[in-house]
Amino acid sequence: MNYQSHSTLNSVRQYLNLVLKMVQKCVGNIETATNPEHLKNLNKQEIEKELLDAYDLDNDNEIKWAEFNIFNQFLKKQPKNLRQIFRFFDKNHNWKIEHKELQKSKPRAITDFLGSGKRK
């Protein structure tokens, strides 16, 4: 193995370790942010912040389907109906949950729906 290959391999390892740490942090945030017991003690703005902090990987104030889907794959207990949960919040059906869409959701509906996946 030449020096350049070794250097590239180390760079790839460093990058993958960084990605792994980021995924582990996000998964922990998602498990907290989707826990109905945790959410019921928060007000609406705190719930919105928890969800955006957990899922919004690129910090653009919206949760894309890819972000939502990918991070839920890492959870210990995956929701069975990811698409239905996502569409509950995605009111304009553009496959992005925008901050304004989160703001329109009722806090009680958010906690019930994230906990059970059923609309009440």
C-alpha atoms as a PDB file:
ATOM      1  CA  MET A   1       0.000   0.000   0.000  1.00  0.00           C
ATOM      2  CA  ASN A   2       1.462   3.351  -0.957  1.00  0.00           C
ATOM      3  CA  TYR A   3       1.371   6.509   1.162  1.00  0.00           C
ATOM      4  CA  GLN A   4      -1.488   8.093  -0.795  1.00  0.00           C
ATOM      5  CA  SER A   5      -3.707   5.011  -0.391  1.00  0.00           C
ATOM      6  CA  HIS A   6      -2.926   4.848   3.322  1.00  0.00           C
ATOM      7  CA  SER A   7      -3.723   8.548   3.715  1.00  0.00           C
ATOM      8  CA  THR A   8      -7.008   8.159   1.819  1.00  0.00           C
ATOM      9  CA  LEU A   9      -7.960   5.151   3.922  1.00  0.00           C
ATOM     10  CA  ASN A  10      -7.340   7.126   7.133  1.00  0.00           C
ATOM     11  CA  SER A  11      -9.446   9.994   5.813  1.00  0.00           C
ATOM     12  CA  VAL A  12     -12.290   7.605   5.007  1.00  0.00           C
ATOM     13  CA  ARG A  13     -12.038   6.046   8.502  1.00  0.00           C
ATOM     14  CA  GLN A  14     -12.148   9.477  10.127  1.00  0.00           C
ATOM     15  CA  TYR A  15     -15.149  10.459   8.029  1.00  0.00           C
ATOM     16  CA  LEU A  16     -17.029   7.234   8.839  1.00  0.00           C
ATOM     17  CA  ASN A  17     -16.293   7.629  12.570  1.00  0.00           C
ATOM     18  CA  LEU A  18     -17.658  11.173  12.421  1.00  0.00           C
ATOM     19  CA  VAL A  19     -20.797   9.993  10.601  1.00  0.00           C
ATOM     20  CA  LEU A  20     -21.283   7.181  13.133  1.00  0.00           C
ATOM     21  CA  LYS A  21     -21.021   9.595  16.073  1.00  0.00           C
ATOM     22  CA  MET A  22     -23.493  11.938  14.399  1.00  0.00           C
ATOM     23  CA  VAL A  23     -25.976   9.107  13.764  1.00  0.00           C
ATOM     24  CA  GLN A  24     -25.675   7.871  17.358  1.00  0.00           C
ATOM     25  CA  LYS A  25     -26.355  11.383  18.667  1.00  0.00           C
ATOM     26  CA  CYS A  26     -29.350  11.819  16.379  1.00  0.00           C
ATOM     27  CA  VAL A  27     -30.830   8.439  17.281  1.00  0.00           C
ATOM     28  CA  GLY A  28     -30.649   9.338  20.966  1.00  0.00           C
ATOM     29  CA  ASN A  29     -32.379  12.639  20.233  1.00  0.00           C
ATOM     30  CA  ILE A  30     -35.071  10.891  18.192  1.00  0.00           C
ATOM     31  CA  GLU A  31     -35.814   8.338  20.894  1.00  0.00           C
ATOM     32  CA  THR A  32     -36.281  11.208  23.356  1.00  0.00           C
ATOM     33  CA  ALA A  33     -38.187  13.446  20.924  1.00  0.00           C
ATOM     34  CA  THR A  34     -40.695  10.734  20.029  1.00  0.00           C
ATOM     35  CA  ASN A  35     -41.274   9.479  23.570  1.00  0.00           C
ATOM     36  CA  PRO A  36     -44.861  10.473  24.508  1.00  0.00           C
ATOM     37  CA  GLU A  37     -43.994  10.451  28.226  1.00  0.00           C
ATOM     38  CA  HIS A  38     -41.257  13.019  27.594  1.00  0.00           C
ATOM     39  CA  LEU A  39     -43.359  15.122  25.198  1.00  0.00           C
ATOM     40  CA  LYS A  40     -46.411  15.434  27.430  1.00  0.00           C
ATOM     41  CA  ASN A  41     -44.392  17.590  29.851  1.00  0.00           C
ATOM     42  CA  LEU A  42     -43.388  20.076  27.137  1.00  0.00           C
ATOM     43  CA  ASN A  43     -45.210  23.030  25.620  1.00  0.00           C
ATOM     44  CA  LYS A  44     -45.831  23.320  21.882  1.00  0.00           C
ATOM     45  CA  GLN A  45     -42.667  25.299  21.078  1.00  0.00           C
ATOM     46  CA  GLU A  46     -40.520  22.843  23.027  1.00  0.00           C
ATOM     47  CA  ILE A  47     -42.069  19.906  21.153  1.00  0.00           C
ATOM     48  CA  GLU A  48     -41.378  21.587  17.789  1.00  0.00           C
ATOM     49  CA  LYS A  49     -37.775  22.256  18.825  1.00  0.00           C
ATOM     50  CA  GLU A  50     -37.290  18.654  20.009  1.00  0.00           C
ATOM     51  CA  LEU A  51     -38.536  17.264  16.675  1.00  0.00           C
ATOM     52  CA  LEU A  52     -36.485  19.664  14.552  1.00  0.00           C
ATOM     53  CA  ASP A  53     -33.356  19.097  16.652  1.00  0.00           C
ATOM     54  CA  ALA A  54     -33.787  15.335  16.349  1.00  0.00           C
ATOM     55  CA  TYR A  55     -34.589  14.966  12.654  1.00  0.00           C
ATOM     56  CA  ASP A  56     -33.433  18.096  10.810  1.00  0.00           C
ATOM     57  CA  LEU A  57     -29.965  16.978   9.793  1.00  0.00           C
ATOM     58  CA  ASP A  58     -29.126  19.943   7.560  1.00  0.00           C
ATOM     59  CA  ASN A  59     -30.704  22.585   9.869  1.00  0.00           C
ATOM     60  CA  ASP A  60     -32.987  24.057   7.205  1.00  0.00           C
ATOM     61  CA  ASN A  61     -36.035  24.132   9.523  1.00  0.00           C
ATOM     62  CA  GLU A  62     -37.758  21.273   7.741  1.00  0.00           C
ATOM     63  CA  ILE A  63     -37.729  17.517   8.069  1.00  0.00           C
ATOM     64  CA  LYS A  64     -37.414  15.747   4.744  1.00  0.00           C
ATOM     65  CA  TRP A  65     -38.778  12.235   4.232  1.00  0.00           C
ATOM     66  CA  ALA A  66     -35.226  10.918   3.764  1.00  0.00           C
ATOM     67  CA  GLU A  67     -34.099  12.374   7.123  1.00  0.00           C
ATOM     68  CA  PHE A  68     -37.179  11.007   8.877  1.00  0.00           C
ATOM     69  CA  ASN A  69     -36.980   7.582   7.273  1.00  0.00           C
ATOM     70  CA  ILE A  70     -33.239   7.057   7.654  1.00  0.00           C
ATOM     71  CA  PHE A  71     -33.054   8.016  11.313  1.00  0.00           C
ATOM     72  CA  ASN A  72     -36.064   5.904  12.246  1.00  0.00           C
ATOM     73  CA  GLN A  73     -34.274   2.862  10.797  1.00  0.00           C
ATOM     74  CA  PHE A  74     -31.713   3.148  13.622  1.00  0.00           C
ATOM     75  CA  LEU A  75     -34.252   3.147  16.466  1.00  0.00           C
ATOM     76  CA  LYS A  76     -34.482   0.123  18.732  1.00  0.00           C
ATOM     77  CA  LYS A  77     -38.266   0.057  18.340  1.00  0.00           C
ATOM     78  CA  GLN A  78     -39.194   1.223  14.846  1.00  0.00           C
ATOM     79  CA  PRO A  79     -42.674   2.592  14.266  1.00  0.00           C
ATOM     80  CA  LYS A  80     -44.596   0.327  11.876  1.00  0.00           C
ATOM     81  CA  ASN A  81     -46.246   3.137   9.961  1.00  0.00           C
ATOM     82  CA  LEU A  82     -43.509   5.692   9.246  1.00  0.00           C
ATOM     83  CA  ARG A  83     -45.140   6.970   6.096  1.00  0.00           C
ATOM     84  CA  GLN A  84     -48.473   7.573   7.836  1.00  0.00           C
ATOM     85  CA  ILE A  85     -46.746   9.382  10.711  1.00  0.00           C
ATOM     86  CA  PHE A  86     -44.790  11.546   8.275  1.00  0.00           C
ATOM     87  CA  ARG A  87     -47.880  12.382   6.200  1.00  0.00           C
ATOM     88  CA  PHE A  88     -49.749  13.364   9.379  1.00  0.00           C
ATOM     89  CA  PHE A  89     -47.409  16.346   9.686  1.00  0.00           C
ATOM     90  CA  ASP A  90     -46.758  16.964   5.967  1.00  0.00           C
ATOM     91  CA  LYS A  91     -49.973  18.890   5.303  1.00  0.00           C
ATOM     92  CA  ASN A  92     -49.084  20.096   1.773  1.00  0.00           C
ATOM     93  CA  HIS A  93     -47.758  16.648   0.725  1.00  0.00           C
ATOM     94  CA  ASN A  94     -44.406  17.855  -0.617  1.00  0.00           C
ATOM     95  CA  TRP A  95     -42.445  15.219   1.366  1.00  0.00           C
ATOM     96  CA  LYS A  96     -41.083  17.892   3.705  1.00  0.00           C
ATOM     97  CA  ILE A  97     -42.385  18.743   7.163  1.00  0.00           C
ATOM     98  CA  GLU A  98     -41.834  22.455   7.296  1.00  0.00           C
ATOM     99  CA  HIS A  99     -41.625  24.396  10.537  1.00  0.00           C
ATOM    100  CA  LYS A 100     -44.967  26.070   9.808  1.00  0.00           C
ATOM    101  CA  GLU A 101     -46.581  22.623   9.453  1.00  0.00           C
ATOM    102  CA  LEU A 102     -45.266  21.621  12.875  1.00  0.00           C
ATOM    103  CA  GLN A 103     -46.621  24.865  14.283  1.00  0.00           C
ATOM    104  CA  LYS A 104     -50.117  24.060  12.957  1.00  0.00           C
ATOM    105  CA  SER A 105     -50.174  20.667  14.709  1.00  0.00           C
ATOM    106  CA  LYS A 106     -51.806  20.476  18.108  1.00  0.00           C
ATOM    107  CA  PRO A 107     -49.434  19.377  20.897  1.00  0.00           C
ATOM    108  CA  ARG A 108     -51.840  16.696  22.136  1.00  0.00           C
ATOM    109  CA  ALA A 109     -52.191  15.285  18.610  1.00  0.00           C
ATOM    110  CA  ILE A 110     -48.405  15.217  18.202  1.00  0.00           C
ATOM    111  CA  THR A 111     -47.799  13.264  21.402  1.00  0.00           C
ATOM    112  CA  ASP A 112     -50.700  10.853  20.807  1.00  0.00           C
ATOM    113  CA  PHE A 113     -49.782  10.260  17.186  1.00  0.00           C
ATOM    114  CA  LEU A 114     -46.055   9.769  17.767  1.00  0.00           C
ATOM    115  CA  GLY A 115     -46.824   7.365  20.575  1.00  0.00           C
ATOM    116  CA  SER A 116     -49.375   5.225  18.774  1.00  0.00           C
ATOM    117  CA  GLY A 117     -49.326   6.152  15.092  1.00  0.00           C
ATOM    118  CA  LYS A 118     -53.098   6.599  15.250  1.00  0.00           C
ATOM    119  CA  ARG A 119     -55.051   9.797  14.828  1.00  0.00           C
ATOM    120  CA  LYS A 120     -57.315  10.653  17.720  1.00  0.00           C
END
